[in-house]
C-alpha cells in the first residue's frame, strides 16, 4: 500500500493532506458574514477576500496538525475507515509536515495583519486565538479533540467567530443579526465532525480519543446531529419573523429533504458507508450557506 502511495506526486500529496473536502467549512462562514455586511451596506471586497484566505489557511493548518498529531499518537492505524492520511501512508514525512504547519499558520498571521490594520487589536486577539486553537485541536498538553471539546471548538471558531469576524473586519461594528446568522453555519459544520466521530467511535475508543461519541455513545451523537439540524433550520424562520426579511431568506428550507435523508443515513449506516454521509453533510453546510446568503443579498 505504501509503495503505491509513493507514486503520488508531491502536489497531489499535499492536496491529500489538506483534506480538500473539509475546506467548504472554511468558506461557508465567510460567505454568511460577507452577505450580512453587504445587506448592511458595509461590504469591503479586500477585507472579505483576505478573511476568506485566512479562514481557508486556518482550516488547512488545522488539518495538517491533525494529520501530524493523530499519527504521532498512533490514532491513524490500519483499522481507520476514514480518508487516507498523508503521514500514516508515508507520502509526507514528519519534518515536512511540521514545516508546512509553520508555513501555513505563519502566512495566515501575516495576511491577518492587514485585517488588524483596518479593524484594530480585537482582530489580532481573534487571529492569535484561532491559530492557537487550530494547533491545540489535536496537539498540546490537553488536545481538544481528545477530550470531548472538538464540537465546541468547531461551532465557535468555524461558526460564530468566523462569521462575526468576517462581518467585523468590513463593518467595524457588530450587530445582533450577524450573531444569529452565525448559528446555523456553526451547527451544520459541527455536524460534519459529529458524523466523523460517530463513524470512528470504536477506533477512537482504542486510541483514548474521548470524543462526545466515545463519552456518551452513538445514540447521543444521533440526537446531537438531529438537534443541530433543527436549530439550523429554525434560524432562517426566526430571521424572517424577527427582522422582517422577505420570503427569500427562507430559501435554505428547500434543503430539508437532504437533511432528512442524511439523518436517516446516519442512523442506518456504519463504518466506511458513512464516508458518503460525511461528504454530503459538508455539502449541505455549503448549499445551506449559499441559499441563506442569497436571503441577505437580495
C-alpha atoms as a PDB file:
ATOM      1  CA  UNK A   1       0.000   0.000   0.000  1.00  0.00           C
ATOM      2  CA  UNK A   2       2.765   2.440   0.916  1.00  0.00           C
ATOM      3  CA  UNK A   3       4.653   1.741  -2.275  1.00  0.00           C
ATOM      4  CA  UNK A   4       1.640   2.582  -4.412  1.00  0.00           C
ATOM      5  CA  UNK A   5       1.058   5.752  -2.443  1.00  0.00           C
ATOM      6  CA  UNK A   6       4.613   6.876  -3.052  1.00  0.00           C
ATOM      7  CA  UNK A   7       3.765   7.068  -6.740  1.00  0.00           C
ATOM      8  CA  UNK A   8       1.575  10.053  -5.913  1.00  0.00           C
ATOM      9  CA  UNK A   9       3.241  13.320  -6.927  1.00  0.00           C
ATOM     10  CA  UNK A  10       4.248  15.893  -4.317  1.00  0.00           C
ATOM     11  CA  UNK A  11       1.492  18.315  -5.274  1.00  0.00           C
ATOM     12  CA  UNK A  12      -1.197  15.639  -5.015  1.00  0.00           C
ATOM     13  CA  UNK A  13       0.309  14.542  -1.716  1.00  0.00           C
ATOM     14  CA  UNK A  14      -0.181  17.986  -0.219  1.00  0.00           C
ATOM     15  CA  UNK A  15      -3.666  18.249  -1.691  1.00  0.00           C
ATOM     16  CA  UNK A  16      -4.499  14.968   0.055  1.00  0.00           C
ATOM     17  CA  UNK A  17      -3.003  16.242   3.317  1.00  0.00           C
ATOM     18  CA  UNK A  18      -5.011  19.477   3.142  1.00  0.00           C
ATOM     19  CA  UNK A  19      -8.218  17.374   3.019  1.00  0.00           C
ATOM     20  CA  UNK A  20      -9.984  19.486   0.381  1.00  0.00           C
ATOM     21  CA  UNK A  21     -13.427  18.067   1.194  1.00  0.00           C
ATOM     22  CA  UNK A  22     -13.249  19.886   4.546  1.00  0.00           C
ATOM     23  CA  UNK A  23     -12.442  23.284   3.020  1.00  0.00           C
ATOM     24  CA  UNK A  24     -16.050  24.290   2.266  1.00  0.00           C
ATOM     25  CA  UNK A  25     -16.383  24.535   6.058  1.00  0.00           C
ATOM     26  CA  UNK A  26     -13.948  27.453   5.881  1.00  0.00           C
ATOM     27  CA  UNK A  27     -15.769  29.166   3.005  1.00  0.00           C
ATOM     28  CA  UNK A  28     -19.352  28.975   4.329  1.00  0.00           C
ATOM     29  CA  UNK A  29     -18.928  31.279   7.372  1.00  0.00           C
ATOM     30  CA  UNK A  30     -17.089  33.939   5.349  1.00  0.00           C
ATOM     31  CA  UNK A  31     -19.895  33.830   2.812  1.00  0.00           C
ATOM     32  CA  UNK A  32     -22.523  34.426   5.507  1.00  0.00           C
ATOM     33  CA  UNK A  33     -20.556  37.172   7.273  1.00  0.00           C
ATOM     34  CA  UNK A  34     -19.932  38.970   3.982  1.00  0.00           C
ATOM     35  CA  UNK A  35     -23.559  38.710   2.854  1.00  0.00           C
ATOM     36  CA  UNK A  36     -24.758  40.274   6.123  1.00  0.00           C
ATOM     37  CA  UNK A  37     -22.168  43.046   5.675  1.00  0.00           C
ATOM     38  CA  UNK A  38     -23.477  43.621   2.148  1.00  0.00           C
ATOM     39  CA  UNK A  39     -27.044  43.794   3.472  1.00  0.00           C
ATOM     40  CA  UNK A  40     -25.898  46.467   5.939  1.00  0.00           C
ATOM     41  CA  UNK A  41     -24.106  48.433   3.171  1.00  0.00           C
ATOM     42  CA  UNK A  42     -20.711  47.628   4.719  1.00  0.00           C
ATOM     43  CA  UNK A  43     -19.222  45.330   2.048  1.00  0.00           C
ATOM     44  CA  UNK A  44     -15.428  45.564   1.704  1.00  0.00           C
ATOM     45  CA  UNK A  45     -14.074  43.297  -1.045  1.00  0.00           C
ATOM     46  CA  UNK A  46     -10.411  43.296   0.025  1.00  0.00           C
ATOM     47  CA  UNK A  47     -11.224  42.630   3.671  1.00  0.00           C
ATOM     48  CA  UNK A  48     -13.655  39.859   2.698  1.00  0.00           C
ATOM     49  CA  UNK A  49     -11.091  38.250   0.378  1.00  0.00           C
ATOM     50  CA  UNK A  50      -8.324  38.239   2.983  1.00  0.00           C
ATOM     51  CA  UNK A  51     -10.747  36.916   5.601  1.00  0.00           C
ATOM     52  CA  UNK A  52     -11.601  34.090   3.201  1.00  0.00           C
ATOM     53  CA  UNK A  53      -7.946  33.236   2.536  1.00  0.00           C
ATOM     54  CA  UNK A  54      -7.142  33.282   6.259  1.00  0.00           C
ATOM     55  CA  UNK A  55     -10.155  31.084   7.040  1.00  0.00           C
ATOM     56  CA  UNK A  56      -9.108  28.503   4.448  1.00  0.00           C
ATOM     57  CA  UNK A  57      -5.481  28.577   5.637  1.00  0.00           C
ATOM     58  CA  UNK A  58      -6.528  28.038   9.262  1.00  0.00           C
ATOM     59  CA  UNK A  59      -8.595  25.044   8.142  1.00  0.00           C
ATOM     60  CA  UNK A  60      -5.655  23.648   6.141  1.00  0.00           C
ATOM     61  CA  UNK A  61      -3.234  24.270   9.013  1.00  0.00           C
ATOM     62  CA  UNK A  62      -5.592  22.553  11.448  1.00  0.00           C
ATOM     63  CA  UNK A  63      -5.845  19.581   9.072  1.00  0.00           C
ATOM     64  CA  UNK A  64      -2.050  19.380   8.905  1.00  0.00           C
ATOM     65  CA  UNK A  65      -1.821  19.453  12.720  1.00  0.00           C
ATOM     66  CA  UNK A  66      -4.492  16.742  12.968  1.00  0.00           C
ATOM     67  CA  UNK A  67      -2.625  14.570  10.491  1.00  0.00           C
ATOM     68  CA  UNK A  68       0.660  15.018  12.353  1.00  0.00           C
ATOM     69  CA  UNK A  69      -0.502  14.509  15.924  1.00  0.00           C
ATOM     70  CA  UNK A  70      -3.003  11.746  15.195  1.00  0.00           C
ATOM     71  CA  UNK A  71      -0.091   9.964  13.522  1.00  0.00           C
ATOM     72  CA  UNK A  72       2.274  10.611  16.448  1.00  0.00           C
ATOM     73  CA  UNK A  73      -0.354   9.393  18.913  1.00  0.00           C
ATOM     74  CA  UNK A  74      -0.942   6.270  16.838  1.00  0.00           C
ATOM     75  CA  UNK A  75      -4.569   7.143  16.097  1.00  0.00           C
ATOM     76  CA  UNK A  76      -4.298   6.501  12.351  1.00  0.00           C
ATOM     77  CA  UNK A  77      -3.970   2.739  12.429  1.00  0.00           C
ATOM     78  CA  UNK A  78      -4.738   0.069   9.847  1.00  0.00           C
ATOM     79  CA  UNK A  79      -8.357  -0.076  11.033  1.00  0.00           C
ATOM     80  CA  UNK A  80      -9.031   3.525  10.049  1.00  0.00           C
ATOM     81  CA  UNK A  81     -12.162   3.772   7.874  1.00  0.00           C
ATOM     82  CA  UNK A  82     -11.921   7.484   7.072  1.00  0.00           C
ATOM     83  CA  UNK A  83      -9.980   9.138   4.250  1.00  0.00           C
ATOM     84  CA  UNK A  84      -6.331   8.147   3.960  1.00  0.00           C
ATOM     85  CA  UNK A  85      -3.920  10.306   5.948  1.00  0.00           C
ATOM     86  CA  UNK A  86      -0.712  11.614   4.387  1.00  0.00           C
ATOM     87  CA  UNK A  87       1.697  10.765   7.217  1.00  0.00           C
ATOM     88  CA  UNK A  88       0.214   7.360   8.015  1.00  0.00           C
ATOM     89  CA  UNK A  89       0.542   6.357   4.368  1.00  0.00           C
ATOM     90  CA  UNK A  90       4.145   7.564   4.190  1.00  0.00           C
ATOM     91  CA  UNK A  91       3.762  10.068   1.346  1.00  0.00           C
ATOM     92  CA  UNK A  92       4.837  13.023   3.526  1.00  0.00           C
ATOM     93  CA  UNK A  93       7.456  12.945   6.282  1.00  0.00           C
ATOM     94  CA  UNK A  94       7.092  14.307   9.814  1.00  0.00           C
ATOM     95  CA  UNK A  95       9.678  17.126   9.273  1.00  0.00           C
ATOM     96  CA  UNK A  96       7.923  18.135   6.052  1.00  0.00           C
ATOM     97  CA  UNK A  97       4.563  18.281   7.804  1.00  0.00           C
ATOM     98  CA  UNK A  98       5.955  20.348  10.671  1.00  0.00           C
ATOM     99  CA  UNK A  99       7.418  22.823   8.178  1.00  0.00           C
ATOM    100  CA  UNK A 100       4.075  23.010   6.363  1.00  0.00           C
ATOM    101  CA  UNK A 101       2.272  23.770   9.632  1.00  0.00           C
ATOM    102  CA  UNK A 102       4.656  26.612  10.480  1.00  0.00           C
ATOM    103  CA  UNK A 103       4.414  27.993   6.954  1.00  0.00           C
ATOM    104  CA  UNK A 104       0.617  27.800   6.768  1.00  0.00           C
ATOM    105  CA  UNK A 105      -0.022  29.427  10.126  1.00  0.00           C
ATOM    106  CA  UNK A 106       2.781  31.935   9.504  1.00  0.00           C
ATOM    107  CA  UNK A 107       1.261  33.097   6.206  1.00  0.00           C
ATOM    108  CA  UNK A 108      -2.145  33.270   7.910  1.00  0.00           C
ATOM    109  CA  UNK A 109      -0.745  35.503  10.647  1.00  0.00           C
ATOM    110  CA  UNK A 110       0.961  37.930   8.265  1.00  0.00           C
ATOM    111  CA  UNK A 111      -2.071  38.177   5.978  1.00  0.00           C
ATOM    112  CA  UNK A 112      -4.188  38.764   9.056  1.00  0.00           C
ATOM    113  CA  UNK A 113      -2.067  41.793   9.951  1.00  0.00           C
ATOM    114  CA  UNK A 114      -3.878  43.685   7.187  1.00  0.00           C
ATOM    115  CA  UNK A 115      -7.177  42.905   8.906  1.00  0.00           C
ATOM    116  CA  UNK A 116      -5.655  44.087  12.194  1.00  0.00           C
ATOM    117  CA  UNK A 117      -4.583  47.302  10.443  1.00  0.00           C
ATOM    118  CA  UNK A 118      -8.119  48.092   9.299  1.00  0.00           C
ATOM    119  CA  UNK A 119     -10.098  46.646  12.222  1.00  0.00           C
ATOM    120  CA  UNK A 120      -7.823  47.025  15.248  1.00  0.00           C
ATOM    121  CA  UNK A 121      -6.489  44.912  18.106  1.00  0.00           C
ATOM    122  CA  UNK A 122      -9.655  42.798  18.645  1.00  0.00           C
ATOM    123  CA  UNK A 123      -8.905  41.067  15.334  1.00  0.00           C
ATOM    124  CA  UNK A 124      -5.309  40.445  16.437  1.00  0.00           C
ATOM    125  CA  UNK A 125      -6.599  38.637  19.517  1.00  0.00           C
ATOM    126  CA  UNK A 126      -9.164  36.676  17.483  1.00  0.00           C
ATOM    127  CA  UNK A 127      -6.490  35.689  14.953  1.00  0.00           C
ATOM    128  CA  UNK A 128      -3.982  34.525  17.550  1.00  0.00           C
ATOM    129  CA  UNK A 129      -6.623  32.555  19.468  1.00  0.00           C
ATOM    130  CA  UNK A 130      -7.921  30.980  16.241  1.00  0.00           C
ATOM    131  CA  UNK A 131      -4.448  29.839  15.173  1.00  0.00           C
ATOM    132  CA  UNK A 132      -3.617  28.608  18.678  1.00  0.00           C
ATOM    133  CA  UNK A 133      -6.903  26.693  18.860  1.00  0.00           C
ATOM    134  CA  UNK A 134      -6.256  25.141  15.460  1.00  0.00           C
ATOM    135  CA  UNK A 135      -2.960  23.845  16.831  1.00  0.00           C
ATOM    136  CA  UNK A 136      -4.481  22.772  20.149  1.00  0.00           C
ATOM    137  CA  UNK A 137      -7.220  20.787  18.404  1.00  0.00           C
ATOM    138  CA  UNK A 138      -5.062  17.645  18.441  1.00  0.00           C
ATOM    139  CA  UNK A 139      -1.759  18.936  19.873  1.00  0.00           C
ATOM    140  CA  UNK A 140      -0.507  20.270  23.185  1.00  0.00           C
ATOM    141  CA  UNK A 141      -0.984  19.028  26.763  1.00  0.00           C
ATOM    142  CA  UNK A 142      -4.799  18.989  26.524  1.00  0.00           C
ATOM    143  CA  UNK A 143      -5.808  18.373  22.892  1.00  0.00           C
ATOM    144  CA  UNK A 144      -9.400  19.482  22.358  1.00  0.00           C
ATOM    145  CA  UNK A 145     -10.348  16.635  20.016  1.00  0.00           C
ATOM    146  CA  UNK A 146      -9.141  14.033  22.518  1.00  0.00           C
ATOM    147  CA  UNK A 147     -11.125  15.493  25.414  1.00  0.00           C
ATOM    148  CA  UNK A 148     -14.612  15.958  24.005  1.00  0.00           C
ATOM    149  CA  UNK A 149     -14.141  19.654  23.209  1.00  0.00           C
ATOM    150  CA  UNK A 150     -13.818  19.380  19.426  1.00  0.00           C
ATOM    151  CA  UNK A 151     -17.508  20.110  18.835  1.00  0.00           C
ATOM    152  CA  UNK A 152     -17.408  23.315  20.883  1.00  0.00           C
ATOM    153  CA  UNK A 153     -14.223  24.393  19.096  1.00  0.00           C
ATOM    154  CA  UNK A 154     -15.741  23.836  15.642  1.00  0.00           C
ATOM    155  CA  UNK A 155     -19.006  25.615  16.497  1.00  0.00           C
ATOM    156  CA  UNK A 156     -17.235  28.625  17.987  1.00  0.00           C
ATOM    157  CA  UNK A 157     -14.369  29.076  15.537  1.00  0.00           C
ATOM    158  CA  UNK A 158     -15.857  27.855  12.245  1.00  0.00           C
ATOM    159  CA  UNK A 159     -19.276  29.237  13.126  1.00  0.00           C
ATOM    160  CA  UNK A 160     -19.569  32.233  15.418  1.00  0.00           C
ATOM    161  CA  UNK A 161     -16.008  33.606  15.289  1.00  0.00           C
ATOM    162  CA  UNK A 162     -15.590  33.167  11.531  1.00  0.00           C
ATOM    163  CA  UNK A 163     -18.957  34.734  10.623  1.00  0.00           C
ATOM    164  CA  UNK A 164     -18.818  37.556  13.161  1.00  0.00           C
ATOM    165  CA  UNK A 165     -15.134  38.236  12.477  1.00  0.00           C
ATOM    166  CA  UNK A 166     -15.744  38.436   8.729  1.00  0.00           C
ATOM    167  CA  UNK A 167     -18.520  40.935   9.331  1.00  0.00           C
ATOM    168  CA  UNK A 168     -16.461  42.979  11.784  1.00  0.00           C
ATOM    169  CA  UNK A 169     -13.455  43.492   9.501  1.00  0.00           C
ATOM    170  CA  UNK A 170     -15.840  45.017   6.959  1.00  0.00           C
ATOM    171  CA  UNK A 171     -18.340  46.917   9.119  1.00  0.00           C
ATOM    172  CA  UNK A 172     -16.066  47.689  12.114  1.00  0.00           C
ATOM    173  CA  UNK A 173     -19.068  47.062  14.367  1.00  0.00           C
ATOM    174  CA  UNK A 174     -21.262  44.172  15.464  1.00  0.00           C
ATOM    175  CA  UNK A 175     -24.996  43.551  15.297  1.00  0.00           C
ATOM    176  CA  UNK A 176     -27.399  41.061  16.803  1.00  0.00           C
ATOM    177  CA  UNK A 177     -28.279  39.824  13.316  1.00  0.00           C
ATOM    178  CA  UNK A 178     -24.755  38.669  12.464  1.00  0.00           C
ATOM    179  CA  UNK A 179     -24.568  36.604  15.670  1.00  0.00           C
ATOM    180  CA  UNK A 180     -27.909  34.992  14.844  1.00  0.00           C
ATOM    181  CA  UNK A 181     -26.766  34.322  11.266  1.00  0.00           C
ATOM    182  CA  UNK A 182     -23.668  32.526  12.551  1.00  0.00           C
ATOM    183  CA  UNK A 183     -25.656  29.876  14.430  1.00  0.00           C
ATOM    184  CA  UNK A 184     -26.808  27.644  11.528  1.00  0.00           C
ATOM    185  CA  UNK A 185     -23.353  27.771   9.942  1.00  0.00           C
ATOM    186  CA  UNK A 186     -21.748  26.591  13.175  1.00  0.00           C
ATOM    187  CA  UNK A 187     -24.391  23.904  13.709  1.00  0.00           C
ATOM    188  CA  UNK A 188     -24.078  22.406  10.222  1.00  0.00           C
ATOM    189  CA  UNK A 189     -20.290  22.488  10.205  1.00  0.00           C
ATOM    190  CA  UNK A 190     -20.220  20.861  13.639  1.00  0.00           C
ATOM    191  CA  UNK A 191     -22.411  18.108  12.189  1.00  0.00           C
ATOM    192  CA  UNK A 192     -19.529  17.233   9.866  1.00  0.00           C
ATOM    193  CA  UNK A 193     -17.464  16.464  12.961  1.00  0.00           C
ATOM    194  CA  UNK A 194     -20.373  14.570  14.526  1.00  0.00           C
ATOM    195  CA  UNK A 195     -20.504  12.186  11.548  1.00  0.00           C
ATOM    196  CA  UNK A 196     -16.718  11.804  11.584  1.00  0.00           C
ATOM    197  CA  UNK A 197     -16.648  10.917  15.285  1.00  0.00           C
ATOM    198  CA  UNK A 198     -19.733   8.704  15.008  1.00  0.00           C
ATOM    199  CA  UNK A 199     -18.047   6.718  12.234  1.00  0.00           C
ATOM    200  CA  UNK A 200     -14.759   6.401  14.128  1.00  0.00           C
ATOM    201  CA  UNK A 201     -16.164   5.728  17.613  1.00  0.00           C
ATOM    202  CA  UNK A 202     -14.720   2.211  18.009  1.00  0.00           C
ATOM    203  CA  UNK A 203     -11.288   3.157  16.708  1.00  0.00           C
ATOM    204  CA  UNK A 204     -11.258   6.321  18.852  1.00  0.00           C
ATOM    205  CA  UNK A 205     -12.069   4.263  21.964  1.00  0.00           C
ATOM    206  CA  UNK A 206      -8.999   2.114  21.344  1.00  0.00           C
ATOM    207  CA  UNK A 207      -6.836   5.220  20.919  1.00  0.00           C
ATOM    208  CA  UNK A 208      -8.167   7.049  24.005  1.00  0.00           C
ATOM    209  CA  UNK A 209      -9.634   9.773  21.820  1.00  0.00           C
ATOM    210  CA  UNK A 210     -12.548  10.775  24.018  1.00  0.00           C
ATOM    211  CA  UNK A 211     -14.889  12.458  21.562  1.00  0.00           C
ATOM    212  CA  UNK A 212     -18.502  13.068  22.561  1.00  0.00           C
ATOM    213  CA  UNK A 213     -19.414   9.923  20.630  1.00  0.00           C
ATOM    214  CA  UNK A 214     -16.991   7.942  22.783  1.00  0.00           C
ATOM    215  CA  UNK A 215     -18.079   9.624  26.031  1.00  0.00           C
ATOM    216  CA  UNK A 216     -21.836   9.417  25.554  1.00  0.00           C
ATOM    217  CA  UNK A 217     -22.403   6.832  22.831  1.00  0.00           C
ATOM    218  CA  UNK A 218     -23.874   6.662  19.341  1.00  0.00           C
ATOM    219  CA  UNK A 219     -27.431   7.432  20.436  1.00  0.00           C
ATOM    220  CA  UNK A 220     -26.218  10.742  21.847  1.00  0.00           C
ATOM    221  CA  UNK A 221     -24.441  11.534  18.561  1.00  0.00           C
ATOM    222  CA  UNK A 222     -27.574  10.805  16.550  1.00  0.00           C
ATOM    223  CA  UNK A 223     -29.600  13.137  18.779  1.00  0.00           C
ATOM    224  CA  UNK A 224     -26.860  15.763  18.623  1.00  0.00           C
ATOM    225  CA  UNK A 225     -26.893  15.632  14.829  1.00  0.00           C
ATOM    226  CA  UNK A 226     -30.693  15.927  14.708  1.00  0.00           C
ATOM    227  CA  UNK A 227     -30.843  18.733  17.269  1.00  0.00           C
ATOM    228  CA  UNK A 228     -28.232  20.757  15.410  1.00  0.00           C
ATOM    229  CA  UNK A 229     -30.168  20.279  12.173  1.00  0.00           C
ATOM    230  CA  UNK A 230     -33.365  21.507  13.820  1.00  0.00           C
ATOM    231  CA  UNK A 231     -31.650  24.582  15.265  1.00  0.00           C
ATOM    232  CA  UNK A 232     -30.030  25.381  11.910  1.00  0.00           C
ATOM    233  CA  UNK A 233     -33.346  25.243  10.063  1.00  0.00           C
ATOM    234  CA  UNK A 234     -35.149  27.241  12.750  1.00  0.00           C
ATOM    235  CA  UNK A 235     -32.826  30.233  12.348  1.00  0.00           C
ATOM    236  CA  UNK A 236     -33.989  31.366   8.848  1.00  0.00           C
ATOM    237  CA  UNK A 237     -37.585  31.241  10.144  1.00  0.00           C
ATOM    238  CA  UNK A 238     -36.533  33.319  13.157  1.00  0.00           C
ATOM    239  CA  UNK A 239     -34.756  35.843  10.928  1.00  0.00           C
ATOM    240  CA  UNK A 240     -37.832  36.025   8.665  1.00  0.00           C
ATOM    241  CA  UNK A 241     -40.118  36.781  11.610  1.00  0.00           C
ATOM    242  CA  UNK A 242     -37.859  38.850  13.895  1.00  0.00           C
ATOM    243  CA  UNK A 243     -36.078  41.039  11.331  1.00  0.00           C
ATOM    244  CA  UNK A 244     -38.888  41.225   8.774  1.00  0.00           C
ATOM    245  CA  UNK A 245     -36.893  39.908   5.827  1.00  0.00           C
ATOM    246  CA  UNK A 246     -38.661  38.847   2.651  1.00  0.00           C
ATOM    247  CA  UNK A 247     -39.515  35.210   1.960  1.00  0.00           C
ATOM    248  CA  UNK A 248     -36.200  34.796   0.107  1.00  0.00           C
ATOM    249  CA  UNK A 249     -34.427  34.376   3.452  1.00  0.00           C
ATOM    250  CA  UNK A 250     -36.319  31.078   3.820  1.00  0.00           C
ATOM    251  CA  UNK A 251     -34.529  29.577   0.795  1.00  0.00           C
ATOM    252  CA  UNK A 252     -32.390  27.234   2.964  1.00  0.00           C
ATOM    253  CA  UNK A 253     -35.565  25.331   3.838  1.00  0.00           C
ATOM    254  CA  UNK A 254     -35.575  23.760   0.381  1.00  0.00           C
ATOM    255  CA  UNK A 255     -32.634  21.618   1.512  1.00  0.00           C
ATOM    256  CA  UNK A 256     -34.753  19.980   4.240  1.00  0.00           C
ATOM    257  CA  UNK A 257     -35.261  16.760   2.212  1.00  0.00           C
ATOM    258  CA  UNK A 258     -31.475  16.324   2.026  1.00  0.00           C
ATOM    259  CA  UNK A 259     -31.159  16.957   5.767  1.00  0.00           C
ATOM    260  CA  UNK A 260     -33.791  14.294   6.485  1.00  0.00           C
ATOM    261  CA  UNK A 261     -32.035  11.869   4.146  1.00  0.00           C
ATOM    262  CA  UNK A 262     -28.715  12.487   5.899  1.00  0.00           C
ATOM    263  CA  UNK A 263     -30.176  11.798   9.334  1.00  0.00           C
ATOM    264  CA  UNK A 264     -31.641   8.527   8.054  1.00  0.00           C
ATOM    265  CA  UNK A 265     -28.236   7.620   6.615  1.00  0.00           C
ATOM    266  CA  UNK A 266     -26.562   8.340   9.947  1.00  0.00           C
ATOM    267  CA  UNK A 267     -29.000   6.081  11.763  1.00  0.00           C
ATOM    268  CA  UNK A 268     -28.847   3.208   9.292  1.00  0.00           C
ATOM    269  CA  UNK A 269     -25.209   3.124   8.122  1.00  0.00           C
ATOM    270  CA  UNK A 270     -21.896   2.382   9.805  1.00  0.00           C
ATOM    271  CA  UNK A 271     -18.178   2.191   9.061  1.00  0.00           C
ATOM    272  CA  UNK A 272     -16.948   3.197   5.609  1.00  0.00           C
ATOM    273  CA  UNK A 273     -20.530   3.614   4.380  1.00  0.00           C
ATOM    274  CA  UNK A 274     -20.669   6.787   6.492  1.00  0.00           C
ATOM    275  CA  UNK A 275     -17.994   8.455   4.354  1.00  0.00           C
ATOM    276  CA  UNK A 276     -20.742   9.420   1.912  1.00  0.00           C
ATOM    277  CA  UNK A 277     -22.832  10.814   4.763  1.00  0.00           C
ATOM    278  CA  UNK A 278     -19.824  12.858   5.843  1.00  0.00           C
ATOM    279  CA  UNK A 279     -19.302  14.211   2.328  1.00  0.00           C
ATOM    280  CA  UNK A 280     -22.977  15.114   1.887  1.00  0.00           C
ATOM    281  CA  UNK A 281     -23.123  16.744   5.328  1.00  0.00           C
ATOM    282  CA  UNK A 282     -20.261  19.027   4.269  1.00  0.00           C
ATOM    283  CA  UNK A 283     -22.059  19.827   1.018  1.00  0.00           C
ATOM    284  CA  UNK A 284     -25.270  20.580   2.917  1.00  0.00           C
ATOM    285  CA  UNK A 285     -23.445  23.175   5.028  1.00  0.00           C
ATOM    286  CA  UNK A 286     -22.238  24.927   1.870  1.00  0.00           C
ATOM    287  CA  UNK A 287     -25.536  24.801  -0.039  1.00  0.00           C
ATOM    288  CA  UNK A 288     -27.454  25.976   3.042  1.00  0.00           C
ATOM    289  CA  UNK A 289     -24.983  28.861   3.500  1.00  0.00           C
ATOM    290  CA  UNK A 290     -25.221  29.901  -0.161  1.00  0.00           C
ATOM    291  CA  UNK A 291     -29.021  29.948  -0.002  1.00  0.00           C
ATOM    292  CA  UNK A 292     -29.024  31.790   3.330  1.00  0.00           C
ATOM    293  CA  UNK A 293     -26.577  34.340   1.902  1.00  0.00           C
ATOM    294  CA  UNK A 294     -28.906  34.973  -1.021  1.00  0.00           C
ATOM    295  CA  UNK A 295     -31.549  35.922   1.511  1.00  0.00           C
ATOM    296  CA  UNK A 296     -29.308  38.678   2.864  1.00  0.00           C
ATOM    297  CA  UNK A 297     -28.088  39.832  -0.539  1.00  0.00           C
ATOM    298  CA  UNK A 298     -31.494  40.268  -2.213  1.00  0.00           C
END
